[in-house]
Amino acid sequence: MRRPIVRLAAVLVVAAVVITENGSRTPSSARAELPTVAPRAAGADQLIVEPDAGMRPVYALLAAAHRSLDMTMYELVDPTAEALMADAASRGVRVRVVLDHRLEGTRNRPAYDYLTSRGVTVHWAASRFFATHQKTFVVDRSVAVVMSLNLTERYYATSRDVALVDRDPADVAAIESVFEADFDWRTTGTPAADDLVWSPEQSAADLVALIGAARRSVAVESEELTSRSVIEALVAAARRGVAVTIAMTYDERALPGLRAVAAAGGRVAVLYGETPLYIHAKLFAVDAGTPSERAFIGSENLSDASLFHDRELGVVLLQPGLVNQVAATIAADVSSGQRWP
């Protein structure tokens, strides 16, 4: 389902936003520490760009499980993926799945029933999150796949999405640690792995820091753009001379943010409907092609619901090849869109 809105360089001190007990937002000093060295297993990482790559690489990773397969998914409506998980369970692989219930319970129910009837242990996501919007799976505790895409078959051909195949042991261990807690409905802090970006714990501060660290360019692709702190960071970057570019599918709720960025000198490219693609990816490319380059991919939309209330996961990338791939993807979608306004 296209999700409604109802809902980084150096160490940089940023003005973040925290939610007080009465629901209001108050400025707070937050220290976001962004990675400065690529993870030691980074050379093995791979970026899968959809719909260009097709789903075969993702299915191959699911089929490769020999011992364990742990998945957290917002929406699961893909008979092929479900059959691969059921087949893994039939081969003795321990398969566990966390599915969102609050917003996607109805759509996820057939997958829940099918998987549980075939030896997969499926839990509904913890109610302490407004939604569990994270999209990840971990194979044999050695490979993590962090995605912007849901495993929802009907959107594959028309959606811009990305998946990172992450083989860094620290990242995999951290993702598994949080999975274990979320699977059992236990409250836990997110463990140290400084290239991982978690909601609701740290996404807003990390993404604002990522923008704030930009020296030359910030390119952003997002399904949503309503977060005041992110919009203000993009405006500030444009005003200090950073080339700011945004690509997204037209959404009236994003217009105030788009107007603010355009008025500050940023470039906005808008696509309409699913022509040529629906922008569902959540991507940043910062200072691409320079020594300070970084990129971000993940499940986080640029909305307060996503950044402060949902379970989300993203990754900051420092590997030049991956950063360039993210930058090239955004640039292609900017070229496909219409200059706005």
C-alpha atoms as a PDB file:
ATOM      1  CA  MET A   1       0.000   0.000   0.000  1.00  0.00           C
ATOM      2  CA  ARG A   2       1.196   3.517  -0.724  1.00  0.00           C
ATOM      3  CA  ARG A   3       1.533   4.712   2.830  1.00  0.00           C
ATOM      4  CA  PRO A   4      -0.502   7.775   3.919  1.00  0.00           C
ATOM      5  CA  ILE A   5       1.083  10.592   5.887  1.00  0.00           C
ATOM      6  CA  VAL A   6      -1.237  10.305   8.882  1.00  0.00           C
ATOM      7  CA  ARG A   7       0.664   9.970  10.449  1.00  0.00           C
ATOM      8  CA  LEU A   8      26.609  12.735   8.139  1.00  0.00           C
ATOM      9  CA  ALA A   9      32.068  14.602   7.432  1.00  0.00           C
ATOM     10  CA  ALA A  10      32.043  14.757  11.203  1.00  0.00           C
ATOM     11  CA  VAL A  11      30.235  14.876  14.490  1.00  0.00           C
ATOM     12  CA  LEU A  12      27.699  17.662  14.133  1.00  0.00           C
ATOM     13  CA  VAL A  13      25.558  19.249  16.809  1.00  0.00           C
ATOM     14  CA  VAL A  14      22.140  19.760  15.297  1.00  0.00           C
ATOM     15  CA  ALA A  15      18.853  21.202  16.459  1.00  0.00           C
ATOM     16  CA  ALA A  16      16.656  18.158  16.596  1.00  0.00           C
ATOM     17  CA  VAL A  17      13.011  17.823  17.537  1.00  0.00           C
ATOM     18  CA  VAL A  18      11.760  15.716  20.414  1.00  0.00           C
ATOM     19  CA  ILE A  19       8.222  14.746  21.266  1.00  0.00           C
ATOM     20  CA  THR A  20       7.149  15.851  24.732  1.00  0.00           C
ATOM     21  CA  GLU A  21       4.584  13.989  26.813  1.00  0.00           C
ATOM     22  CA  ASN A  22       1.731  16.179  25.564  1.00  0.00           C
ATOM     23  CA  GLY A  23       2.719  15.583  21.954  1.00  0.00           C
ATOM     24  CA  SER A  24       4.215  19.004  21.249  1.00  0.00           C
ATOM     25  CA  ARG A  25       7.605  19.440  19.665  1.00  0.00           C
ATOM     26  CA  THR A  26      10.360  21.319  21.379  1.00  0.00           C
ATOM     27  CA  PRO A  27      13.879  22.045  20.178  1.00  0.00           C
ATOM     28  CA  SER A  28      16.523  19.912  21.786  1.00  0.00           C
ATOM     29  CA  SER A  29      20.264  19.736  21.384  1.00  0.00           C
ATOM     30  CA  ALA A  30      21.156  16.368  19.888  1.00  0.00           C
ATOM     31  CA  ARG A  31      24.543  15.058  18.927  1.00  0.00           C
ATOM     32  CA  ALA A  32      24.431  12.922  15.808  1.00  0.00           C
ATOM     33  CA  GLU A  33      27.586  10.970  15.132  1.00  0.00           C
ATOM     34  CA  LEU A  34      27.935  10.053  11.498  1.00  0.00           C
ATOM     35  CA  PRO A  35      30.337   7.362  10.286  1.00  0.00           C
ATOM     36  CA  THR A  36      33.660   8.513   8.889  1.00  0.00           C
ATOM     37  CA  VAL A  37      35.052   5.141   7.834  1.00  0.00           C
ATOM     38  CA  ALA A  38      33.275   2.586   5.688  1.00  0.00           C
ATOM     39  CA  PRO A  39      32.483  -0.701   7.477  1.00  0.00           C
ATOM     40  CA  ARG A  40      35.224  -3.292   7.095  1.00  0.00           C
ATOM     41  CA  ALA A  41      33.018  -5.603   5.028  1.00  0.00           C
ATOM     42  CA  ALA A  42      31.847  -2.750   2.797  1.00  0.00           C
ATOM     43  CA  GLY A  43      33.569  -4.087  -0.279  1.00  0.00           C
ATOM     44  CA  ALA A  44      31.075  -6.943  -0.385  1.00  0.00           C
ATOM     45  CA  ASP A  45      27.999  -4.698  -0.113  1.00  0.00           C
ATOM     46  CA  GLN A  46      25.646  -4.428  -3.066  1.00  0.00           C
ATOM     47  CA  LEU A  47      22.915  -1.968  -4.030  1.00  0.00           C
ATOM     48  CA  ILE A  48      19.883  -3.370  -5.834  1.00  0.00           C
ATOM     49  CA  VAL A  49      17.938  -0.693  -7.707  1.00  0.00           C
ATOM     50  CA  GLU A  50      14.332  -1.433  -8.628  1.00  0.00           C
ATOM     51  CA  PRO A  51      12.585  -1.870 -10.934  1.00  0.00           C
ATOM     52  CA  ASP A  52      15.767  -2.028 -13.042  1.00  0.00           C
ATOM     53  CA  ALA A  53      17.226  -5.134 -11.370  1.00  0.00           C
ATOM     54  CA  GLY A  54      13.970  -7.032 -11.042  1.00  0.00           C
ATOM     55  CA  MET A  55      13.214  -9.128  -7.990  1.00  0.00           C
ATOM     56  CA  ARG A  56      15.436 -12.103  -8.864  1.00  0.00           C
ATOM     57  CA  PRO A  57      18.372 -10.867  -6.690  1.00  0.00           C
ATOM     58  CA  VAL A  58      16.060 -10.463  -3.682  1.00  0.00           C
ATOM     59  CA  TYR A  59      14.456 -13.870  -4.217  1.00  0.00           C
ATOM     60  CA  ALA A  60      17.906 -15.458  -4.556  1.00  0.00           C
ATOM     61  CA  LEU A  61      18.883 -14.097  -1.158  1.00  0.00           C
ATOM     62  CA  LEU A  62      15.725 -15.484   0.425  1.00  0.00           C
ATOM     63  CA  ALA A  63      16.368 -18.867  -1.186  1.00  0.00           C
ATOM     64  CA  ALA A  64      19.974 -18.912   0.079  1.00  0.00           C
ATOM     65  CA  ALA A  65      19.032 -19.359   3.741  1.00  0.00           C
ATOM     66  CA  HIS A  66      20.473 -22.541   5.283  1.00  0.00           C
ATOM     67  CA  ARG A  67      20.073 -21.958   9.019  1.00  0.00           C
ATOM     68  CA  SER A  68      17.951 -18.901   9.748  1.00  0.00           C
ATOM     69  CA  LEU A  69      15.862 -16.225   8.064  1.00  0.00           C
ATOM     70  CA  ASP A  70      14.530 -13.285  10.097  1.00  0.00           C
ATOM     71  CA  MET A  71      12.298 -10.691   8.436  1.00  0.00           C
ATOM     72  CA  THR A  72      10.587  -7.465   9.490  1.00  0.00           C
ATOM     73  CA  MET A  73       8.100  -6.237   6.900  1.00  0.00           C
ATOM     74  CA  TYR A  74       5.485  -3.503   6.688  1.00  0.00           C
ATOM     75  CA  GLU A  75       3.483  -5.141   3.907  1.00  0.00           C
ATOM     76  CA  LEU A  76       3.895  -8.709   2.622  1.00  0.00           C
ATOM     77  CA  VAL A  77       1.795  -9.629  -0.402  1.00  0.00           C
ATOM     78  CA  ASP A  78       4.157 -11.600  -2.633  1.00  0.00           C
ATOM     79  CA  PRO A  79       3.371 -15.293  -3.291  1.00  0.00           C
ATOM     80  CA  THR A  80       6.893 -15.946  -4.587  1.00  0.00           C
ATOM     81  CA  ALA A  81       8.610 -14.539  -1.499  1.00  0.00           C
ATOM     82  CA  GLU A  82       6.151 -16.302   0.773  1.00  0.00           C
ATOM     83  CA  ALA A  83       6.715 -19.632  -0.995  1.00  0.00           C
ATOM     84  CA  LEU A  84      10.486 -19.221  -0.646  1.00  0.00           C
ATOM     85  CA  MET A  85      10.125 -18.674   3.090  1.00  0.00           C
ATOM     86  CA  ALA A  86       7.799 -21.648   3.425  1.00  0.00           C
ATOM     87  CA  ASP A  87      10.259 -23.788   1.449  1.00  0.00           C
ATOM     88  CA  ALA A  88      13.094 -22.687   3.733  1.00  0.00           C
ATOM     89  CA  ALA A  89      11.064 -23.699   6.775  1.00  0.00           C
ATOM     90  CA  SER A  90      10.372 -27.098   5.182  1.00  0.00           C
ATOM     91  CA  ARG A  91      14.157 -27.583   4.824  1.00  0.00           C
ATOM     92  CA  GLY A  92      14.670 -27.011   8.543  1.00  0.00           C
ATOM     93  CA  VAL A  93      15.593 -23.316   8.357  1.00  0.00           C
ATOM     94  CA  ARG A  94      14.324 -21.320  11.342  1.00  0.00           C
ATOM     95  CA  VAL A  95      12.144 -18.676   9.691  1.00  0.00           C
ATOM     96  CA  ARG A  96      10.703 -15.848  11.776  1.00  0.00           C
ATOM     97  CA  VAL A  97       8.706 -12.852  10.567  1.00  0.00           C
ATOM     98  CA  VAL A  98       7.432  -9.632  12.162  1.00  0.00           C
ATOM     99  CA  LEU A  99       4.551  -8.039  10.256  1.00  0.00           C
ATOM    100  CA  ASP A 100       2.903  -4.672  10.766  1.00  0.00           C
ATOM    101  CA  HIS A 101      -0.586  -4.997  12.165  1.00  0.00           C
ATOM    102  CA  ARG A 102      -1.862  -1.521  12.965  1.00  0.00           C
ATOM    103  CA  LEU A 103      -1.987  -0.194   9.380  1.00  0.00           C
ATOM    104  CA  GLU A 104      -1.433  -3.304   7.251  1.00  0.00           C
ATOM    105  CA  GLY A 105      -3.040  -6.054   9.321  1.00  0.00           C
ATOM    106  CA  THR A 106      -5.760  -6.739   6.767  1.00  0.00           C
ATOM    107  CA  ARG A 107      -3.376  -6.955   3.818  1.00  0.00           C
ATOM    108  CA  ASN A 108      -0.846  -8.966   5.829  1.00  0.00           C
ATOM    109  CA  ARG A 109      -3.360 -11.507   7.160  1.00  0.00           C
ATOM    110  CA  PRO A 110      -3.181 -13.904   4.161  1.00  0.00           C
ATOM    111  CA  ALA A 111       0.628 -14.033   4.392  1.00  0.00           C
ATOM    112  CA  TYR A 112       0.378 -14.476   8.174  1.00  0.00           C
ATOM    113  CA  ASP A 113      -1.989 -17.427   7.784  1.00  0.00           C
ATOM    114  CA  TYR A 114      -0.083 -19.022   4.892  1.00  0.00           C
ATOM    115  CA  LEU A 115       3.299 -18.816   6.610  1.00  0.00           C
ATOM    116  CA  THR A 116       2.143 -19.980  10.030  1.00  0.00           C
ATOM    117  CA  SER A 117       0.484 -23.002   8.417  1.00  0.00           C
ATOM    118  CA  ARG A 118       3.844 -23.946   6.889  1.00  0.00           C
ATOM    119  CA  GLY A 119       6.126 -23.834   9.883  1.00  0.00           C
ATOM    120  CA  VAL A 120       7.100 -20.154   9.869  1.00  0.00           C
ATOM    121  CA  THR A 121       6.812 -18.307  13.181  1.00  0.00           C
ATOM    122  CA  VAL A 122       5.029 -15.005  12.526  1.00  0.00           C
ATOM    123  CA  HIS A 123       4.406 -12.306  15.108  1.00  0.00           C
ATOM    124  CA  TRP A 124       2.392  -9.127  14.726  1.00  0.00           C
ATOM    125  CA  ALA A 125       4.527  -6.044  15.385  1.00  0.00           C
ATOM    126  CA  ALA A 126       4.610  -4.407  18.804  1.00  0.00           C
ATOM    127  CA  SER A 127       1.883  -1.862  19.428  1.00  0.00           C
ATOM    128  CA  ARG A 128       4.329   0.644  20.949  1.00  0.00           C
ATOM    129  CA  PHE A 129       5.187   1.734  17.386  1.00  0.00           C
ATOM    130  CA  PHE A 130       2.542   3.600  15.419  1.00  0.00           C
ATOM    131  CA  ALA A 131       3.549   1.391  12.510  1.00  0.00           C
ATOM    132  CA  THR A 132       6.344  -1.067  11.879  1.00  0.00           C
ATOM    133  CA  HIS A 133       7.432   0.336   8.532  1.00  0.00           C
ATOM    134  CA  GLN A 134      10.883  -1.310   8.508  1.00  0.00           C
ATOM    135  CA  LYS A 135      11.652  -3.607   5.554  1.00  0.00           C
ATOM    136  CA  THR A 136      14.594  -5.924   6.255  1.00  0.00           C
ATOM    137  CA  PHE A 137      15.621  -9.533   6.375  1.00  0.00           C
ATOM    138  CA  VAL A 138      18.726 -11.300   7.672  1.00  0.00           C
ATOM    139  CA  VAL A 139      19.984 -14.567   6.178  1.00  0.00           C
ATOM    140  CA  ASP A 140      21.984 -17.004   8.332  1.00  0.00           C
ATOM    141  CA  ARG A 141      23.013 -14.155  10.647  1.00  0.00           C
ATOM    142  CA  SER A 142      25.602 -13.150   8.041  1.00  0.00           C
ATOM    143  CA  VAL A 143      23.826 -11.047   5.409  1.00  0.00           C
ATOM    144  CA  ALA A 144      21.296  -8.284   6.059  1.00  0.00           C
ATOM    145  CA  VAL A 145      19.098  -6.804   3.349  1.00  0.00           C
ATOM    146  CA  VAL A 146      17.844  -3.295   4.151  1.00  0.00           C
ATOM    147  CA  MET A 147      15.165  -2.071   1.775  1.00  0.00           C
ATOM    148  CA  SER A 148      12.862   0.789   0.908  1.00  0.00           C
ATOM    149  CA  LEU A 149      10.523  -1.645  -0.847  1.00  0.00           C
ATOM    150  CA  ASN A 150       7.797  -3.705   0.689  1.00  0.00           C
ATOM    151  CA  LEU A 151       7.490  -7.267  -0.550  1.00  0.00           C
ATOM    152  CA  THR A 152       4.309  -6.338  -2.400  1.00  0.00           C
ATOM    153  CA  GLU A 153       4.159  -7.826  -5.854  1.00  0.00           C
ATOM    154  CA  ARG A 154       1.752  -5.399  -7.480  1.00  0.00           C
ATOM    155  CA  TYR A 155       4.136  -2.452  -7.091  1.00  0.00           C
ATOM    156  CA  TYR A 156       7.390  -3.951  -8.350  1.00  0.00           C
ATOM    157  CA  ALA A 157       7.137  -2.966 -12.011  1.00  0.00           C
ATOM    158  CA  THR A 158       6.201   0.667 -11.418  1.00  0.00           C
ATOM    159  CA  SER A 159       8.075   1.731  -8.274  1.00  0.00           C
ATOM    160  CA  ARG A 160      11.513   3.228  -7.759  1.00  0.00           C
ATOM    161  CA  ASP A 161      12.933   1.374  -4.785  1.00  0.00           C
ATOM    162  CA  VAL A 162      16.305   0.204  -3.507  1.00  0.00           C
ATOM    163  CA  ALA A 163      17.761  -2.556  -1.364  1.00  0.00           C
ATOM    164  CA  LEU A 164      21.184  -2.749   0.242  1.00  0.00           C
ATOM    165  CA  VAL A 165      22.833  -6.129   0.703  1.00  0.00           C
ATOM    166  CA  ASP A 166      24.873  -5.437   3.860  1.00  0.00           C
ATOM    167  CA  ARG A 167      27.531  -7.946   4.924  1.00  0.00           C
ATOM    168  CA  ASP A 168      29.185  -5.891   7.659  1.00  0.00           C
ATOM    169  CA  PRO A 169      29.196  -8.094  10.805  1.00  0.00           C
ATOM    170  CA  ALA A 170      28.484  -5.165  13.149  1.00  0.00           C
ATOM    171  CA  ASP A 171      25.457  -4.112  11.121  1.00  0.00           C
ATOM    172  CA  VAL A 172      24.112  -7.653  10.883  1.00  0.00           C
ATOM    173  CA  ALA A 173      24.523  -8.201  14.630  1.00  0.00           C
ATOM    174  CA  ALA A 174      22.781  -4.919  15.452  1.00  0.00           C
ATOM    175  CA  ILE A 175      19.870  -5.632  13.125  1.00  0.00           C
ATOM    176  CA  GLU A 176      19.460  -9.120  14.586  1.00  0.00           C
ATOM    177  CA  SER A 177      19.578  -7.747  18.125  1.00  0.00           C
ATOM    178  CA  VAL A 178      16.739  -5.327  17.442  1.00  0.00           C
ATOM    179  CA  PHE A 179      14.805  -8.022  15.581  1.00  0.00           C
ATOM    180  CA  GLU A 180      14.979 -10.322  18.596  1.00  0.00           C
ATOM    181  CA  ALA A 181      13.566  -7.587  20.836  1.00  0.00           C
ATOM    182  CA  ASP A 182      10.834  -6.528  18.407  1.00  0.00           C
ATOM    183  CA  PHE A 183       9.886 -10.158  17.750  1.00  0.00           C
ATOM    184  CA  ASP A 184       9.320 -10.686  21.484  1.00  0.00           C
ATOM    185  CA  TRP A 185       7.735  -7.249  22.049  1.00  0.00           C
ATOM    186  CA  ARG A 186      10.618  -6.275  24.315  1.00  0.00           C
ATOM    187  CA  THR A 187      11.715  -2.672  24.635  1.00  0.00           C
ATOM    188  CA  THR A 188      15.353  -2.232  23.730  1.00  0.00           C
ATOM    189  CA  GLY A 189      17.784   0.471  22.773  1.00  0.00           C
ATOM    190  CA  THR A 190      19.297   0.264  19.323  1.00  0.00           C
ATOM    191  CA  PRO A 191      22.834  -1.187  19.560  1.00  0.00           C
ATOM    192  CA  ALA A 192      25.935   0.594  18.339  1.00  0.00           C
ATOM    193  CA  ALA A 193      26.582   0.382  14.605  1.00  0.00           C
ATOM    194  CA  ASP A 194      27.224   3.950  13.606  1.00  0.00           C
ATOM    195  CA  ASP A 195      26.172   3.592   9.978  1.00  0.00           C
ATOM    196  CA  LEU A 196      22.662   2.350  10.899  1.00  0.00           C
ATOM    197  CA  VAL A 197      19.835   4.870  11.255  1.00  0.00           C
ATOM    198  CA  TRP A 198      16.910   3.771  13.423  1.00  0.00           C
ATOM    199  CA  SER A 199      13.452   5.202  14.028  1.00  0.00           C
ATOM    200  CA  PRO A 200      12.049   6.242  16.322  1.00  0.00           C
ATOM    201  CA  GLU A 201      15.334   6.597  18.213  1.00  0.00           C
ATOM    202  CA  GLN A 202      17.600   8.656  15.967  1.00  0.00           C
ATOM    203  CA  SER A 203      16.482   9.106  12.372  1.00  0.00           C
ATOM    204  CA  ALA A 204      15.536  12.777  12.584  1.00  0.00           C
ATOM    205  CA  ALA A 205      18.825  13.844  14.160  1.00  0.00           C
ATOM    206  CA  ASP A 206      20.914  11.675  11.818  1.00  0.00           C
ATOM    207  CA  LEU A 207      19.206  12.830   8.632  1.00  0.00           C
ATOM    208  CA  VAL A 208      19.358  16.484   9.664  1.00  0.00           C
ATOM    209  CA  ALA A 209      23.049  15.981  10.437  1.00  0.00           C
ATOM    210  CA  LEU A 210      23.583  14.349   7.067  1.00  0.00           C
ATOM    211  CA  ILE A 211      22.152  17.408   5.331  1.00  0.00           C
ATOM    212  CA  GLY A 212      23.998  19.773   7.648  1.00  0.00           C
ATOM    213  CA  ALA A 213      27.333  18.186   6.796  1.00  0.00           C
ATOM    214  CA  ALA A 214      26.900  18.855   3.063  1.00  0.00           C
ATOM    215  CA  ARG A 215      29.529  21.099   1.481  1.00  0.00           C
ATOM    216  CA  ARG A 216      28.579  20.986  -2.192  1.00  0.00           C
ATOM    217  CA  SER A 217      25.449  19.007  -2.913  1.00  0.00           C
ATOM    218  CA  VAL A 218      22.440  17.252  -1.419  1.00  0.00           C
ATOM    219  CA  ALA A 219      20.188  15.141  -3.633  1.00  0.00           C
ATOM    220  CA  VAL A 220      17.061  13.679  -2.049  1.00  0.00           C
ATOM    221  CA  GLU A 221      14.438  11.254  -3.257  1.00  0.00           C
ATOM    222  CA  SER A 222      11.468  10.546  -1.018  1.00  0.00           C
ATOM    223  CA  GLU A 223       7.852   9.470  -1.088  1.00  0.00           C
ATOM    224  CA  GLU A 224       6.974  12.048   1.567  1.00  0.00           C
ATOM    225  CA  LEU A 225       8.306  15.457   2.588  1.00  0.00           C
ATOM    226  CA  THR A 226       6.523  17.011   5.557  1.00  0.00           C
ATOM    227  CA  SER A 227       9.103  16.878   8.379  1.00  0.00           C
ATOM    228  CA  ARG A 228       9.749  20.446   9.491  1.00  0.00           C
ATOM    229  CA  SER A 229      13.254  19.691  10.768  1.00  0.00           C
ATOM    230  CA  VAL A 230      14.286  18.083   7.471  1.00  0.00           C
ATOM    231  CA  ILE A 231      12.747  20.855   5.378  1.00  0.00           C
ATOM    232  CA  GLU A 232      14.524  23.502   7.467  1.00  0.00           C
ATOM    233  CA  ALA A 233      17.835  21.658   7.033  1.00  0.00           C
ATOM    234  CA  LEU A 234      17.365  21.519   3.254  1.00  0.00           C
ATOM    235  CA  VAL A 235      16.471  25.212   3.116  1.00  0.00           C
ATOM    236  CA  ALA A 236      19.510  26.112   5.240  1.00  0.00           C
ATOM    237  CA  ALA A 237      21.753  24.036   2.965  1.00  0.00           C
ATOM    238  CA  ALA A 238      20.441  25.771  -0.164  1.00  0.00           C
ATOM    239  CA  ARG A 239      20.900  29.204   1.429  1.00  0.00           C
ATOM    240  CA  ARG A 240      24.536  28.496   2.243  1.00  0.00           C
ATOM    241  CA  GLY A 241      25.228  27.631  -1.377  1.00  0.00           C
ATOM    242  CA  VAL A 242      24.828  23.859  -1.396  1.00  0.00           C
ATOM    243  CA  ALA A 243      23.179  22.529  -4.564  1.00  0.00           C
ATOM    244  CA  VAL A 244      19.960  20.973  -3.245  1.00  0.00           C
ATOM    245  CA  THR A 245      17.907  18.700  -5.499  1.00  0.00           C
ATOM    246  CA  ILE A 246      14.672  16.866  -4.691  1.00  0.00           C
ATOM    247  CA  ALA A 247      12.867  14.247  -6.771  1.00  0.00           C
ATOM    248  CA  MET A 248       9.476  12.928  -5.736  1.00  0.00           C
ATOM    249  CA  THR A 249       6.063  11.939  -7.005  1.00  0.00           C
ATOM    250  CA  TYR A 250       3.576  14.805  -6.751  1.00  0.00           C
ATOM    251  CA  ASP A 251       1.828  14.958  -3.398  1.00  0.00           C
ATOM    252  CA  GLU A 252      -0.132  18.002  -2.283  1.00  0.00           C
ATOM    253  CA  ARG A 253       0.931  17.436   1.313  1.00  0.00           C
ATOM    254  CA  ALA A 254       4.561  18.007   0.301  1.00  0.00           C
ATOM    255  CA  LEU A 255       3.907  21.326  -1.457  1.00  0.00           C
ATOM    256  CA  PRO A 256       4.805  23.628   1.473  1.00  0.00           C
ATOM    257  CA  GLY A 257       8.172  21.926   1.852  1.00  0.00           C
ATOM    258  CA  LEU A 258       8.822  21.929  -1.893  1.00  0.00           C
ATOM    259  CA  ARG A 259       7.958  25.632  -2.101  1.00  0.00           C
ATOM    260  CA  ALA A 260      10.327  26.441   0.756  1.00  0.00           C
ATOM    261  CA  VAL A 261      13.226  24.528  -0.821  1.00  0.00           C
ATOM    262  CA  ALA A 262      12.591  26.005  -4.276  1.00  0.00           C
ATOM    263  CA  ALA A 263      12.384  29.523  -2.845  1.00  0.00           C
ATOM    264  CA  ALA A 264      15.777  29.006  -1.181  1.00  0.00           C
ATOM    265  CA  GLY A 265      17.313  28.104  -4.552  1.00  0.00           C
ATOM    266  CA  GLY A 266      16.889  24.338  -4.577  1.00  0.00           C
ATOM    267  CA  ARG A 267      15.831  22.372  -7.635  1.00  0.00           C
ATOM    268  CA  VAL A 268      12.634  20.344  -7.404  1.00  0.00           C
ATOM    269  CA  ALA A 269      11.622  17.696  -9.943  1.00  0.00           C
ATOM    270  CA  VAL A 270       8.131  16.242  -9.716  1.00  0.00           C
ATOM    271  CA  LEU A 271       6.805  13.064 -11.304  1.00  0.00           C
ATOM    272  CA  TYR A 272       3.111  12.357 -11.646  1.00  0.00           C
ATOM    273  CA  GLY A 273       1.317   9.120 -10.810  1.00  0.00           C
ATOM    274  CA  GLU A 274       3.394   6.164 -11.944  1.00  0.00           C
ATOM    275  CA  THR A 275       4.832   7.890 -15.026  1.00  0.00           C
ATOM    276  CA  PRO A 276       7.497   6.812 -15.647  1.00  0.00           C
ATOM    277  CA  LEU A 277       7.819   5.526 -12.060  1.00  0.00           C
ATOM    278  CA  TYR A 278       6.297   6.057  -8.647  1.00  0.00           C
ATOM    279  CA  ILE A 279       8.965   7.380  -6.291  1.00  0.00           C
ATOM    280  CA  HIS A 280       8.805   5.116  -3.249  1.00  0.00           C
ATOM    281  CA  ALA A 281      12.562   5.089  -2.529  1.00  0.00           C
ATOM    282  CA  LYS A 282      14.042   7.033   0.393  1.00  0.00           C
ATOM    283  CA  LEU A 283      17.482   8.184  -0.753  1.00  0.00           C
ATOM    284  CA  PHE A 284      20.076  10.856   0.024  1.00  0.00           C
ATOM    285  CA  ALA A 285      23.313  11.536  -1.856  1.00  0.00           C
ATOM    286  CA  VAL A 286      25.553  14.120  -0.177  1.00  0.00           C
ATOM    287  CA  ASP A 287      28.675  15.596  -1.812  1.00  0.00           C
ATOM    288  CA  ALA A 288      28.776  12.753  -4.350  1.00  0.00           C
ATOM    289  CA  GLY A 289      32.112  12.575  -6.154  1.00  0.00           C
ATOM    290  CA  THR A 290      34.034  14.385  -3.412  1.00  0.00           C
ATOM    291  CA  PRO A 291      36.120  13.125  -0.456  1.00  0.00           C
ATOM    292  CA  SER A 292      33.240  13.867   1.933  1.00  0.00           C
ATOM    293  CA  GLU A 293      30.616  11.901  -0.023  1.00  0.00           C
ATOM    294  CA  ARG A 294      27.870   9.956   1.732  1.00  0.00           C
ATOM    295  CA  ALA A 295      24.570   8.391   0.847  1.00  0.00           C
ATOM    296  CA  PHE A 296      21.566   7.086   2.742  1.00  0.00           C
ATOM    297  CA  ILE A 297      19.014   4.439   1.904  1.00  0.00           C
ATOM    298  CA  GLY A 298      16.278   3.071   4.129  1.00  0.00           C
ATOM    299  CA  SER A 299      12.610   2.833   4.964  1.00  0.00           C
ATOM    300  CA  GLU A 300      12.322   6.285   6.551  1.00  0.00           C
ATOM    301  CA  ASN A 301       9.956   8.719   4.897  1.00  0.00           C
ATOM    302  CA  LEU A 302      10.599  12.397   5.576  1.00  0.00           C
ATOM    303  CA  SER A 303       7.597  12.812   7.850  1.00  0.00           C
ATOM    304  CA  ASP A 304       7.241  13.123  11.607  1.00  0.00           C
ATOM    305  CA  ALA A 305       5.218   9.916  11.719  1.00  0.00           C
ATOM    306  CA  SER A 306       8.076   7.982  10.155  1.00  0.00           C
ATOM    307  CA  LEU A 307      10.911   9.692  12.012  1.00  0.00           C
ATOM    308  CA  PHE A 308       9.385   9.885  15.502  1.00  0.00           C
ATOM    309  CA  HIS A 309       6.700   7.217  15.826  1.00  0.00           C
ATOM    310  CA  ASP A 310       7.420   4.248  13.523  1.00  0.00           C
ATOM    311  CA  ARG A 311       9.937   1.424  13.570  1.00  0.00           C
ATOM    312  CA  GLU A 312      12.251   2.180  10.618  1.00  0.00           C
ATOM    313  CA  LEU A 313      15.781   1.315   9.538  1.00  0.00           C
ATOM    314  CA  GLY A 314      18.213   2.906   7.117  1.00  0.00           C
ATOM    315  CA  VAL A 315      21.948   2.813   6.399  1.00  0.00           C
ATOM    316  CA  VAL A 316      24.529   5.537   5.713  1.00  0.00           C
ATOM    317  CA  LEU A 317      26.924   4.567   2.924  1.00  0.00           C
ATOM    318  CA  LEU A 318      30.487   5.813   2.468  1.00  0.00           C
ATOM    319  CA  GLN A 319      31.646   3.501  -0.300  1.00  0.00           C
ATOM    320  CA  PRO A 320      32.206   5.628  -3.439  1.00  0.00           C
ATOM    321  CA  GLY A 321      30.705   3.076  -5.793  1.00  0.00           C
ATOM    322  CA  LEU A 322      27.489   2.838  -3.800  1.00  0.00           C
ATOM    323  CA  VAL A 323      27.254   6.607  -3.274  1.00  0.00           C
ATOM    324  CA  ASN A 324      27.658   7.152  -7.008  1.00  0.00           C
ATOM    325  CA  GLN A 325      24.975   4.578  -7.703  1.00  0.00           C
ATOM    326  CA  VAL A 326      22.551   6.361  -5.372  1.00  0.00           C
ATOM    327  CA  ALA A 327      23.427   9.741  -6.913  1.00  0.00           C
ATOM    328  CA  ALA A 328      22.958   8.393 -10.432  1.00  0.00           C
ATOM    329  CA  THR A 329      19.571   6.917  -9.527  1.00  0.00           C
ATOM    330  CA  ILE A 330      18.327  10.227  -8.139  1.00  0.00           C
ATOM    331  CA  ALA A 331      19.736  12.116 -11.133  1.00  0.00           C
ATOM    332  CA  ALA A 332      17.907   9.810 -13.542  1.00  0.00           C
ATOM    333  CA  ASP A 333      14.625  10.387 -11.720  1.00  0.00           C
ATOM    334  CA  VAL A 334      15.206  14.149 -11.652  1.00  0.00           C
ATOM    335  CA  SER A 335      15.646  14.001 -15.429  1.00  0.00           C
ATOM    336  CA  SER A 336      12.403  12.045 -15.738  1.00  0.00           C
ATOM    337  CA  GLY A 337      10.449  14.594 -13.717  1.00  0.00           C
ATOM    338  CA  GLN A 338       9.185  18.072 -14.423  1.00  0.00           C
ATOM    339  CA  ARG A 339      10.875  21.163 -12.973  1.00  0.00           C
ATOM    340  CA  TRP A 340       8.662  22.557 -10.211  1.00  0.00           C
ATOM    341  CA  PRO A 341       7.127  25.053  -9.838  1.00  0.00           C
END
